[in-house]
């Protein structure tokens, strides 16, 4: 994973765990090199897929 993020600048990760919500999620980890002493990382989430509502007219 480390080699991929250094090479590509981002990587998709499935099954990351959140202690706060006690659940797992998928996200893209993006390396944000600001040119300074440190490198920042951001998480980008895909929008949740909406399931069709029951009883909706077609």
N, C-alpha and C. Protein backbone atom coordinates (compact mmCIF):
# COMPACT_ATOMS: atom_id res chain seq x y z
N UNK A 1 0.82 -1.18 0.00
CA UNK A 1 0.00 0.00 0.00
C UNK A 1 0.87 1.25 0.00
N UNK A 2 1.92 1.24 0.79
CA UNK A 2 2.79 2.42 0.88
C UNK A 2 3.45 2.71 -0.47
N UNK A 3 3.90 1.68 -1.15
CA UNK A 3 4.54 1.88 -2.46
C UNK A 3 3.54 2.44 -3.46
N UNK A 4 2.31 1.94 -3.45
CA UNK A 4 1.28 2.43 -4.37
C UNK A 4 0.95 3.90 -4.11
N UNK A 5 0.81 4.28 -2.84
CA UNK A 5 0.44 5.67 -2.55
C UNK A 5 1.58 6.62 -2.89
N UNK A 6 2.81 6.17 -2.73
CA UNK A 6 3.95 7.01 -3.12
C UNK A 6 4.04 7.14 -4.64
N UNK A 7 3.73 6.07 -5.34
CA UNK A 7 3.82 6.07 -6.80
C UNK A 7 2.65 6.82 -7.45
N UNK A 8 1.42 6.54 -6.97
CA UNK A 8 0.22 7.08 -7.61
C UNK A 8 -0.35 8.32 -6.93
N UNK A 9 -0.04 8.52 -5.65
CA UNK A 9 -0.57 9.67 -4.93
C UNK A 9 -1.89 9.39 -4.23
N UNK A 10 -2.51 8.26 -4.55
CA UNK A 10 -3.75 7.87 -3.87
C UNK A 10 -3.96 6.38 -4.01
N UNK A 11 -4.81 5.85 -3.14
CA UNK A 11 -5.11 4.42 -3.17
C UNK A 11 -6.51 4.19 -2.59
N UNK A 12 -7.25 3.28 -3.21
CA UNK A 12 -8.58 2.93 -2.70
C UNK A 12 -8.40 1.83 -1.65
N UNK A 13 -9.05 2.03 -0.51
CA UNK A 13 -8.96 1.07 0.59
C UNK A 13 -10.37 0.64 0.98
N UNK A 14 -10.58 -0.66 1.06
CA UNK A 14 -11.88 -1.20 1.46
C UNK A 14 -11.78 -1.75 2.87
N UNK A 15 -12.86 -1.60 3.62
CA UNK A 15 -12.94 -2.20 4.95
C UNK A 15 -12.18 -1.46 6.03
N UNK A 16 -12.02 -0.13 5.90
CA UNK A 16 -11.38 0.65 6.97
C UNK A 16 -12.34 0.69 8.15
N UNK A 17 -11.80 0.68 9.37
CA UNK A 17 -12.64 0.61 10.57
C UNK A 17 -12.68 1.94 11.29
N UNK A 18 -13.88 2.35 11.69
CA UNK A 18 -14.09 3.57 12.48
C UNK A 18 -14.49 3.17 13.89
N UNK A 19 -13.65 3.51 14.87
CA UNK A 19 -13.99 3.23 16.27
C UNK A 19 -15.17 4.09 16.69
N UNK A 20 -15.22 5.31 16.21
CA UNK A 20 -16.27 6.25 16.60
C UNK A 20 -17.65 5.72 16.21
N UNK A 21 -17.78 5.19 15.00
CA UNK A 21 -19.07 4.69 14.53
C UNK A 21 -19.20 3.17 14.66
N UNK A 22 -18.11 2.50 15.06
CA UNK A 22 -18.08 1.05 15.20
C UNK A 22 -18.57 0.36 13.92
N UNK A 23 -18.02 0.81 12.78
CA UNK A 23 -18.40 0.23 11.50
C UNK A 23 -17.22 0.34 10.53
N UNK A 24 -17.35 -0.33 9.41
CA UNK A 24 -16.32 -0.27 8.38
C UNK A 24 -16.81 0.57 7.20
N UNK A 25 -15.87 1.07 6.42
CA UNK A 25 -16.21 1.88 5.26
C UNK A 25 -15.11 1.78 4.23
N UNK A 26 -15.41 2.18 3.01
CA UNK A 26 -14.45 2.23 1.92
C UNK A 26 -14.12 3.69 1.64
N UNK A 27 -12.86 3.98 1.34
CA UNK A 27 -12.47 5.36 1.06
C UNK A 27 -11.21 5.36 0.19
N UNK A 28 -10.96 6.50 -0.42
CA UNK A 28 -9.72 6.70 -1.16
C UNK A 28 -8.80 7.54 -0.27
N UNK A 29 -7.60 7.05 -0.01
CA UNK A 29 -6.61 7.79 0.77
C UNK A 29 -5.78 8.59 -0.23
N UNK A 30 -5.74 9.91 -0.05
CA UNK A 30 -5.04 10.79 -0.97
C UNK A 30 -3.88 11.45 -0.25
N UNK A 31 -2.69 11.35 -0.83
CA UNK A 31 -1.51 11.99 -0.28
C UNK A 31 -1.49 13.43 -0.77
N UNK A 32 -1.42 14.38 0.16
CA UNK A 32 -1.43 15.80 -0.17
C UNK A 32 -0.08 16.39 0.22
N UNK A 33 0.85 16.42 -0.75
CA UNK A 33 2.19 16.96 -0.51
C UNK A 33 2.17 18.46 -0.72
N UNK A 34 2.28 19.20 0.38
CA UNK A 34 2.23 20.66 0.31
C UNK A 34 3.61 21.27 0.05
N UNK A 35 4.63 20.44 -0.06
CA UNK A 35 5.98 20.94 -0.30
C UNK A 35 6.70 21.33 0.98
N UNK A 36 6.04 21.21 2.10
CA UNK A 36 6.64 21.56 3.39
C UNK A 36 7.35 20.37 4.01
N UNK A 37 7.54 20.46 5.31
CA UNK A 37 8.25 19.43 6.05
C UNK A 37 7.44 18.14 6.17
N UNK A 38 6.12 18.26 6.18
CA UNK A 38 5.25 17.11 6.39
C UNK A 38 4.34 16.87 5.19
N UNK A 39 3.84 15.67 5.11
CA UNK A 39 2.87 15.30 4.07
C UNK A 39 1.54 15.03 4.77
N UNK A 40 0.47 15.53 4.21
CA UNK A 40 -0.87 15.31 4.77
C UNK A 40 -1.58 14.22 3.98
N UNK A 41 -2.52 13.57 4.64
CA UNK A 41 -3.34 12.56 3.99
C UNK A 41 -4.80 12.93 4.18
N UNK A 42 -5.59 12.75 3.12
CA UNK A 42 -7.03 13.03 3.18
C UNK A 42 -7.78 11.76 2.81
N UNK A 43 -8.98 11.64 3.32
CA UNK A 43 -9.87 10.55 2.95
C UNK A 43 -10.99 11.12 2.09
N UNK A 44 -11.26 10.44 0.99
CA UNK A 44 -12.36 10.85 0.11
C UNK A 44 -13.33 9.68 0.04
N UNK A 45 -14.59 9.97 0.33
CA UNK A 45 -15.61 8.93 0.38
C UNK A 45 -16.49 9.00 -0.86
N UNK A 46 -16.87 7.84 -1.36
CA UNK A 46 -17.80 7.77 -2.47
C UNK A 46 -19.20 7.92 -1.90
N UNK A 47 -20.09 8.59 -2.63
CA UNK A 47 -21.45 8.72 -2.12
C UNK A 47 -22.11 7.35 -1.99
N UNK A 48 -22.92 7.21 -0.97
CA UNK A 48 -23.62 5.94 -0.77
C UNK A 48 -24.64 5.75 -1.88
N UNK A 49 -24.77 4.52 -2.32
CA UNK A 49 -25.74 4.20 -3.37
C UNK A 49 -27.13 4.20 -2.76
N UNK A 50 -28.04 4.87 -3.41
CA UNK A 50 -29.43 4.92 -2.97
C UNK A 50 -30.15 3.68 -3.45
N UNK A 51 -30.80 2.99 -2.54
CA UNK A 51 -31.60 1.84 -2.96
C UNK A 51 -32.99 2.35 -3.32
N UNK A 52 -33.64 1.69 -4.27
CA UNK A 52 -34.99 2.13 -4.65
C UNK A 52 -35.93 2.05 -3.47
N UNK A 53 -36.78 3.06 -3.36
CA UNK A 53 -37.74 3.09 -2.24
C UNK A 53 -38.86 2.09 -2.52
N UNK A 54 -39.27 1.44 -1.48
CA UNK A 54 -40.36 0.46 -1.63
C UNK A 54 -41.67 1.19 -1.81
N UNK A 55 -42.49 0.66 -2.71
CA UNK A 55 -43.80 1.23 -2.97
C UNK A 55 -43.77 2.46 -3.87
N UNK A 56 -42.60 2.79 -4.42
CA UNK A 56 -42.51 3.96 -5.31
C UNK A 56 -43.14 3.61 -6.66
N UNK A 57 -43.80 4.58 -7.24
CA UNK A 57 -44.43 4.38 -8.56
C UNK A 57 -43.35 4.26 -9.62
N UNK A 58 -43.57 3.40 -10.59
CA UNK A 58 -42.58 3.21 -11.66
C UNK A 58 -43.04 3.83 -12.92
